[in-house]
Amino acid sequence: MKIDEIQIRVRYGETDQMGVVYHGNYALYLEMGRIEWLRKLGISYKSMEENGVMLPVVSMTVNYKKSACYDDVINVKTEVVKVPTAKIEFNYEITNEAGELLTTASTTLVFIDMKTNRPIRAPQYILDAIKK
């Protein structure tokens, strides 16, 4: 399936007193990876919500292998696991500039109709964009 990679420079405010990235900030890095993955398909969260579809995270697993530190440039690789149904699943790898694996992760998000607050099937425009 489609893979995208982005680079992020670790900011001081994302670290603890030892200069190590605080574990909770990895959720933000994963979100940035997903947003850019979708954007490169020509889809934005904003446009989805304007069309009445939201995409909340319902599951997230993060495995920490090695620390990222202040001012490191990290690479977030984002890949969709399979063709979405009512849910979309992503796998991630975060590496440092030396190519060392820092973190692996996965998330599951569900397509929700904002009017009914109920799950729906993936919009056709998303399926079409993935198949291109």
N, C-alpha and C. Protein backbone atom coordinates (compact mmCIF):
# COMPACT_ATOMS: atom_id res chain seq x y z
N MET A 1 0.85 -1.18 0.00
CA MET A 1 0.00 0.00 0.00
C MET A 1 0.89 1.24 0.00
N LYS A 2 0.28 2.37 -0.07
CA LYS A 2 1.02 3.62 -0.18
C LYS A 2 1.78 3.96 1.11
N ILE A 3 3.01 4.42 0.91
CA ILE A 3 3.89 4.80 2.03
C ILE A 3 4.29 6.25 1.84
N ASP A 4 4.38 6.99 2.94
CA ASP A 4 4.87 8.36 2.90
C ASP A 4 5.86 8.55 4.04
N GLU A 5 6.80 9.46 3.84
CA GLU A 5 7.77 9.76 4.88
C GLU A 5 7.89 11.27 5.05
N ILE A 6 7.97 11.70 6.31
CA ILE A 6 8.20 13.11 6.62
C ILE A 6 9.34 13.21 7.61
N GLN A 7 9.96 14.39 7.63
CA GLN A 7 11.00 14.65 8.62
C GLN A 7 10.52 15.71 9.59
N ILE A 8 10.88 15.53 10.85
CA ILE A 8 10.49 16.45 11.92
C ILE A 8 11.73 16.73 12.76
N ARG A 9 11.99 17.99 13.06
CA ARG A 9 13.07 18.32 13.98
C ARG A 9 12.47 18.42 15.38
N VAL A 10 13.03 17.68 16.32
CA VAL A 10 12.54 17.66 17.69
C VAL A 10 12.78 19.03 18.33
N ARG A 11 11.70 19.61 18.85
CA ARG A 11 11.78 20.91 19.50
C ARG A 11 12.02 20.74 21.00
N TYR A 12 12.60 21.76 21.61
CA TYR A 12 12.95 21.71 23.03
C TYR A 12 11.73 21.41 23.89
N GLY A 13 10.59 22.01 23.58
CA GLY A 13 9.37 21.82 24.37
C GLY A 13 8.80 20.42 24.30
N GLU A 14 9.30 19.59 23.39
CA GLU A 14 8.83 18.21 23.26
C GLU A 14 9.64 17.24 24.12
N THR A 15 10.62 17.78 24.85
CA THR A 15 11.53 16.92 25.61
C THR A 15 11.37 17.13 27.11
N ASP A 16 11.90 16.17 27.87
CA ASP A 16 11.92 16.29 29.33
C ASP A 16 13.22 16.97 29.75
N GLN A 17 13.49 17.00 31.04
CA GLN A 17 14.69 17.68 31.54
C GLN A 17 15.99 17.03 31.07
N MET A 18 15.92 15.79 30.63
CA MET A 18 17.12 15.11 30.14
C MET A 18 17.32 15.30 28.64
N GLY A 19 16.41 16.07 28.00
CA GLY A 19 16.52 16.31 26.57
C GLY A 19 15.98 15.19 25.72
N VAL A 20 15.25 14.25 26.33
CA VAL A 20 14.67 13.11 25.63
C VAL A 20 13.20 13.41 25.33
N VAL A 21 12.75 13.03 24.13
CA VAL A 21 11.35 13.28 23.75
C VAL A 21 10.42 12.60 24.75
N TYR A 22 9.49 13.39 25.29
CA TYR A 22 8.46 12.87 26.21
C TYR A 22 7.57 11.91 25.43
N HIS A 23 7.26 10.76 26.02
CA HIS A 23 6.56 9.68 25.31
C HIS A 23 5.23 10.11 24.70
N GLY A 24 4.53 11.02 25.35
CA GLY A 24 3.23 11.46 24.83
C GLY A 24 3.32 12.21 23.52
N ASN A 25 4.48 12.76 23.20
CA ASN A 25 4.62 13.51 21.96
C ASN A 25 4.68 12.62 20.72
N TYR A 26 4.91 11.34 20.92
CA TYR A 26 4.92 10.44 19.77
C TYR A 26 3.55 10.38 19.10
N ALA A 27 2.48 10.52 19.87
CA ALA A 27 1.14 10.55 19.27
C ALA A 27 1.01 11.72 18.29
N LEU A 28 1.64 12.85 18.61
CA LEU A 28 1.63 14.00 17.69
C LEU A 28 2.43 13.70 16.43
N TYR A 29 3.56 13.02 16.58
CA TYR A 29 4.37 12.67 15.41
C TYR A 29 3.60 11.73 14.48
N LEU A 30 2.87 10.79 15.07
CA LEU A 30 2.07 9.86 14.27
C LEU A 30 0.95 10.62 13.55
N GLU A 31 0.32 11.55 14.25
CA GLU A 31 -0.73 12.36 13.63
C GLU A 31 -0.17 13.16 12.46
N MET A 32 1.00 13.74 12.65
CA MET A 32 1.62 14.50 11.56
C MET A 32 1.88 13.59 10.36
N GLY A 33 2.32 12.37 10.62
CA GLY A 33 2.54 11.42 9.54
C GLY A 33 1.26 11.10 8.79
N ARG A 34 0.16 10.86 9.53
CA ARG A 34 -1.14 10.56 8.89
C ARG A 34 -1.65 11.73 8.07
N ILE A 35 -1.56 12.93 8.66
CA ILE A 35 -2.07 14.11 7.96
C ILE A 35 -1.34 14.31 6.64
N GLU A 36 -0.02 14.16 6.66
CA GLU A 36 0.75 14.33 5.43
C GLU A 36 0.51 13.19 4.45
N TRP A 37 0.31 11.98 4.96
CA TRP A 37 -0.01 10.84 4.10
C TRP A 37 -1.29 11.15 3.32
N LEU A 38 -2.32 11.60 4.03
CA LEU A 38 -3.58 11.95 3.38
C LEU A 38 -3.42 13.14 2.43
N ARG A 39 -2.71 14.16 2.88
CA ARG A 39 -2.53 15.37 2.07
C ARG A 39 -1.87 15.04 0.74
N LYS A 40 -0.91 14.12 0.75
CA LYS A 40 -0.23 13.77 -0.49
C LYS A 40 -1.13 12.96 -1.42
N LEU A 41 -2.25 12.45 -0.89
CA LEU A 41 -3.27 11.82 -1.73
C LEU A 41 -4.28 12.85 -2.23
N GLY A 42 -4.12 14.10 -1.78
CA GLY A 42 -5.05 15.16 -2.17
C GLY A 42 -6.24 15.28 -1.23
N ILE A 43 -6.11 14.76 0.00
CA ILE A 43 -7.21 14.75 0.97
C ILE A 43 -6.74 15.45 2.24
N SER A 44 -7.60 16.28 2.81
CA SER A 44 -7.24 16.92 4.08
C SER A 44 -8.30 16.60 5.13
N TYR A 45 -7.86 16.56 6.39
CA TYR A 45 -8.81 16.37 7.50
C TYR A 45 -9.87 17.47 7.44
N LYS A 46 -9.42 18.68 7.16
CA LYS A 46 -10.34 19.82 7.13
C LYS A 46 -11.45 19.61 6.10
N SER A 47 -11.09 19.18 4.89
CA SER A 47 -12.10 18.96 3.86
C SER A 47 -13.02 17.80 4.22
N MET A 48 -12.45 16.75 4.85
CA MET A 48 -13.29 15.63 5.28
C MET A 48 -14.34 16.11 6.28
N GLU A 49 -13.90 16.91 7.25
CA GLU A 49 -14.84 17.41 8.26
C GLU A 49 -15.86 18.36 7.64
N GLU A 50 -15.44 19.16 6.68
CA GLU A 50 -16.39 20.04 5.98
C GLU A 50 -17.44 19.22 5.22
N ASN A 51 -17.08 17.99 4.86
CA ASN A 51 -18.01 17.08 4.18
C ASN A 51 -18.71 16.14 5.15
N GLY A 52 -18.59 16.42 6.45
CA GLY A 52 -19.34 15.67 7.45
C GLY A 52 -18.74 14.37 7.93
N VAL A 53 -17.44 14.18 7.67
CA VAL A 53 -16.78 12.94 8.09
C VAL A 53 -15.63 13.28 9.04
N MET A 54 -15.62 12.63 10.21
CA MET A 54 -14.46 12.78 11.09
C MET A 54 -13.78 11.43 11.22
N LEU A 55 -12.55 11.48 11.70
CA LEU A 55 -11.71 10.29 11.70
C LEU A 55 -10.98 10.18 13.04
N PRO A 56 -11.68 9.80 14.11
CA PRO A 56 -11.02 9.70 15.41
C PRO A 56 -10.17 8.43 15.55
N VAL A 57 -9.13 8.55 16.35
CA VAL A 57 -8.29 7.40 16.68
C VAL A 57 -9.03 6.56 17.71
N VAL A 58 -9.14 5.25 17.45
CA VAL A 58 -9.78 4.34 18.41
C VAL A 58 -8.78 3.38 19.04
N SER A 59 -7.58 3.29 18.44
CA SER A 59 -6.56 2.40 18.99
C SER A 59 -5.19 2.92 18.58
N MET A 60 -4.24 2.83 19.53
CA MET A 60 -2.87 3.24 19.24
C MET A 60 -1.91 2.37 20.06
N THR A 61 -0.92 1.82 19.37
CA THR A 61 0.11 1.04 20.03
C THR A 61 1.46 1.64 19.64
N VAL A 62 2.30 1.88 20.64
CA VAL A 62 3.62 2.45 20.40
C VAL A 62 4.66 1.59 21.10
N ASN A 63 5.70 1.23 20.36
CA ASN A 63 6.81 0.46 20.91
C ASN A 63 8.07 1.31 20.82
N TYR A 64 8.62 1.66 21.97
CA TYR A 64 9.80 2.51 22.04
C TYR A 64 11.06 1.65 22.04
N LYS A 65 11.93 1.89 21.08
CA LYS A 65 13.16 1.11 20.94
C LYS A 65 14.38 1.89 21.41
N LYS A 66 14.41 3.17 21.07
CA LYS A 66 15.55 4.03 21.37
C LYS A 66 15.03 5.47 21.45
N SER A 67 15.69 6.29 22.25
CA SER A 67 15.21 7.66 22.48
C SER A 67 15.53 8.60 21.32
N ALA A 68 14.61 9.52 21.10
CA ALA A 68 14.86 10.68 20.25
C ALA A 68 15.14 11.83 21.21
N CYS A 69 16.02 12.73 20.82
CA CYS A 69 16.45 13.81 21.71
C CYS A 69 16.26 15.18 21.04
N TYR A 70 16.39 16.20 21.88
CA TYR A 70 16.27 17.57 21.41
C TYR A 70 17.17 17.82 20.21
N ASP A 71 16.61 18.47 19.20
CA ASP A 71 17.26 18.90 17.96
C ASP A 71 17.56 17.76 16.99
N ASP A 72 17.20 16.51 17.34
CA ASP A 72 17.31 15.42 16.37
C ASP A 72 16.34 15.66 15.22
N VAL A 73 16.72 15.21 14.05
CA VAL A 73 15.79 15.16 12.92
C VAL A 73 15.33 13.72 12.83
N ILE A 74 14.03 13.52 13.00
CA ILE A 74 13.48 12.17 12.93
C ILE A 74 12.69 12.00 11.64
N ASN A 75 12.65 10.79 11.17
CA ASN A 75 11.91 10.44 9.96
C ASN A 75 10.71 9.59 10.38
N VAL A 76 9.51 10.02 9.99
CA VAL A 76 8.29 9.27 10.32
C VAL A 76 7.78 8.65 9.02
N LYS A 77 7.84 7.32 8.95
CA LYS A 77 7.33 6.59 7.78
C LYS A 77 5.93 6.09 8.12
N THR A 78 4.98 6.42 7.27
CA THR A 78 3.57 6.09 7.50
C THR A 78 3.08 5.23 6.34
N GLU A 79 2.41 4.12 6.70
CA GLU A 79 1.90 3.21 5.68
C GLU A 79 0.51 2.74 6.07
N VAL A 80 -0.40 2.75 5.11
CA VAL A 80 -1.72 2.18 5.37
C VAL A 80 -1.59 0.66 5.26
N VAL A 81 -2.25 -0.05 6.17
CA VAL A 81 -2.09 -1.51 6.26
C VAL A 81 -2.86 -2.23 5.16
N LYS A 82 -4.11 -1.82 4.92
CA LYS A 82 -4.95 -2.46 3.91
C LYS A 82 -6.00 -1.46 3.45
N VAL A 83 -6.74 -1.83 2.44
CA VAL A 83 -7.79 -0.94 1.92
C VAL A 83 -8.80 -0.67 3.04
N PRO A 84 -9.09 0.60 3.30
CA PRO A 84 -10.00 0.94 4.39
C PRO A 84 -11.42 0.41 4.17
N THR A 85 -12.07 0.13 5.29
CA THR A 85 -13.49 -0.23 5.28
C THR A 85 -14.18 0.88 6.07
N ALA A 86 -14.73 0.56 7.22
CA ALA A 86 -15.22 1.60 8.12
C ALA A 86 -14.08 2.11 8.99
N LYS A 87 -12.95 1.43 8.92
CA LYS A 87 -11.77 1.85 9.66
C LYS A 87 -10.58 1.91 8.72
N ILE A 88 -9.57 2.64 9.15
CA ILE A 88 -8.32 2.72 8.40
C ILE A 88 -7.20 2.50 9.40
N GLU A 89 -6.27 1.60 9.03
CA GLU A 89 -5.19 1.21 9.92
C GLU A 89 -3.85 1.64 9.32
N PHE A 90 -3.01 2.22 10.18
CA PHE A 90 -1.70 2.68 9.77
C PHE A 90 -0.61 2.01 10.59
N ASN A 91 0.53 1.76 9.95
CA ASN A 91 1.75 1.35 10.64
C ASN A 91 2.77 2.46 10.45
N TYR A 92 3.65 2.61 11.44
CA TYR A 92 4.65 3.66 11.42
C TYR A 92 6.01 3.12 11.85
N GLU A 93 7.04 3.75 11.33
CA GLU A 93 8.41 3.55 11.81
C GLU A 93 9.01 4.93 11.96
N ILE A 94 9.61 5.17 13.11
CA ILE A 94 10.32 6.43 13.34
C ILE A 94 11.79 6.09 13.48
N THR A 95 12.61 6.76 12.66
CA THR A 95 14.05 6.54 12.67
C THR A 95 14.77 7.87 12.88
N ASN A 96 16.04 7.79 13.27
CA ASN A 96 16.83 9.01 13.39
C ASN A 96 17.62 9.23 12.11
N GLU A 97 18.46 10.28 12.11
CA GLU A 97 19.23 10.61 10.91
C GLU A 97 20.21 9.51 10.51
N ALA A 98 20.64 8.72 11.48
CA ALA A 98 21.55 7.61 11.19
C ALA A 98 20.81 6.37 10.67
N GLY A 99 19.47 6.46 10.60
CA GLY A 99 18.68 5.33 10.13
C GLY A 99 18.35 4.32 11.20
N GLU A 100 18.68 4.63 12.46
CA GLU A 100 18.40 3.72 13.57
C GLU A 100 16.91 3.75 13.90
N LEU A 101 16.33 2.60 14.10
CA LEU A 101 14.91 2.50 14.44
C LEU A 101 14.69 2.96 15.88
N LEU A 102 13.85 3.98 16.04
CA LEU A 102 13.55 4.52 17.36
C LEU A 102 12.22 4.00 17.89
N THR A 103 11.24 3.93 17.01
CA THR A 103 9.88 3.61 17.44
C THR A 103 9.13 2.91 16.32
N THR A 104 8.31 1.93 16.69
CA THR A 104 7.31 1.39 15.77
C THR A 104 5.95 1.65 16.40
N ALA A 105 4.95 1.81 15.57
CA ALA A 105 3.63 2.12 16.10
C ALA A 105 2.55 1.70 15.10
N SER A 106 1.33 1.64 15.60
CA SER A 106 0.18 1.40 14.75
C SER A 106 -1.00 2.17 15.32
N THR A 107 -1.88 2.62 14.44
CA THR A 107 -3.11 3.27 14.87
C THR A 107 -4.27 2.75 14.03
N THR A 108 -5.43 2.76 14.64
CA THR A 108 -6.68 2.46 13.94
C THR A 108 -7.59 3.65 14.13
N LEU A 109 -8.15 4.13 13.04
CA LEU A 109 -9.09 5.24 13.06
C LEU A 109 -10.38 4.77 12.42
N VAL A 110 -11.50 5.37 12.82
CA VAL A 110 -12.80 4.98 12.30
C VAL A 110 -13.46 6.18 11.63
N PHE A 111 -14.03 5.94 10.45
CA PHE A 111 -14.78 6.97 9.75
C PHE A 111 -16.13 7.15 10.44
N ILE A 112 -16.42 8.38 10.86
CA ILE A 112 -17.65 8.68 11.59
C ILE A 112 -18.45 9.75 10.85
N ASP A 113 -19.75 9.51 10.70
CA ASP A 113 -20.67 10.53 10.16
C ASP A 113 -20.90 11.55 11.27
N MET A 114 -20.55 12.81 11.02
CA MET A 114 -20.63 13.83 12.06
C MET A 114 -22.07 14.16 12.46
N LYS A 115 -23.04 13.90 11.59
CA LYS A 115 -24.44 14.18 11.93
C LYS A 115 -25.01 13.11 12.85
N THR A 116 -24.69 11.86 12.58
CA THR A 116 -25.26 10.76 13.35
C THR A 116 -24.33 10.24 14.44
N ASN A 117 -23.06 10.62 14.33
CA ASN A 117 -22.02 10.14 15.25
C ASN A 117 -21.89 8.62 15.21
N ARG A 118 -22.14 8.05 14.04
CA ARG A 118 -22.07 6.60 13.84
C ARG A 118 -21.00 6.27 12.79
N PRO A 119 -20.39 5.10 12.90
CA PRO A 119 -19.41 4.68 11.90
C PRO A 119 -20.04 4.56 10.50
N ILE A 120 -19.23 4.88 9.50
CA ILE A 120 -19.64 4.75 8.10
C ILE A 120 -18.50 4.09 7.33
N ARG A 121 -18.80 3.66 6.12
CA ARG A 121 -17.76 3.12 5.26
C ARG A 121 -16.85 4.25 4.79
N ALA A 122 -15.63 3.92 4.45
CA ALA A 122 -14.68 4.91 3.94
C ALA A 122 -15.29 5.61 2.73
N PRO A 123 -15.21 6.93 2.68
CA PRO A 123 -15.73 7.64 1.50
C PRO A 123 -15.04 7.16 0.23
N GLN A 124 -15.81 7.13 -0.85
CA GLN A 124 -15.29 6.63 -2.13
C GLN A 124 -14.09 7.41 -2.61
N TYR A 125 -14.05 8.73 -2.37
CA TYR A 125 -12.92 9.54 -2.84
C TYR A 125 -11.61 9.12 -2.17
N ILE A 126 -11.69 8.60 -0.95
CA ILE A 126 -10.49 8.10 -0.28
C ILE A 126 -10.05 6.78 -0.90
N LEU A 127 -11.00 5.90 -1.13
CA LEU A 127 -10.69 4.61 -1.78
C LEU A 127 -10.09 4.84 -3.17
N ASP A 128 -10.67 5.77 -3.92
CA ASP A 128 -10.15 6.08 -5.26
C ASP A 128 -8.73 6.62 -5.20
N ALA A 129 -8.46 7.50 -4.23
CA ALA A 129 -7.12 8.09 -4.10
C ALA A 129 -6.08 7.04 -3.74
N ILE A 130 -6.45 6.10 -2.92
CA ILE A 130 -5.52 5.03 -2.51
C ILE A 130 -5.21 4.11 -3.68
N LYS A 131 -6.19 3.85 -4.52
CA LYS A 131 -6.02 2.93 -5.64
C LYS A 131 -5.19 3.52 -6.79
N LYS A 132 -5.04 4.84 -6.83
CA LYS A 132 -4.29 5.49 -7.92
C LYS A 132 -2.84 5.08 -7.91
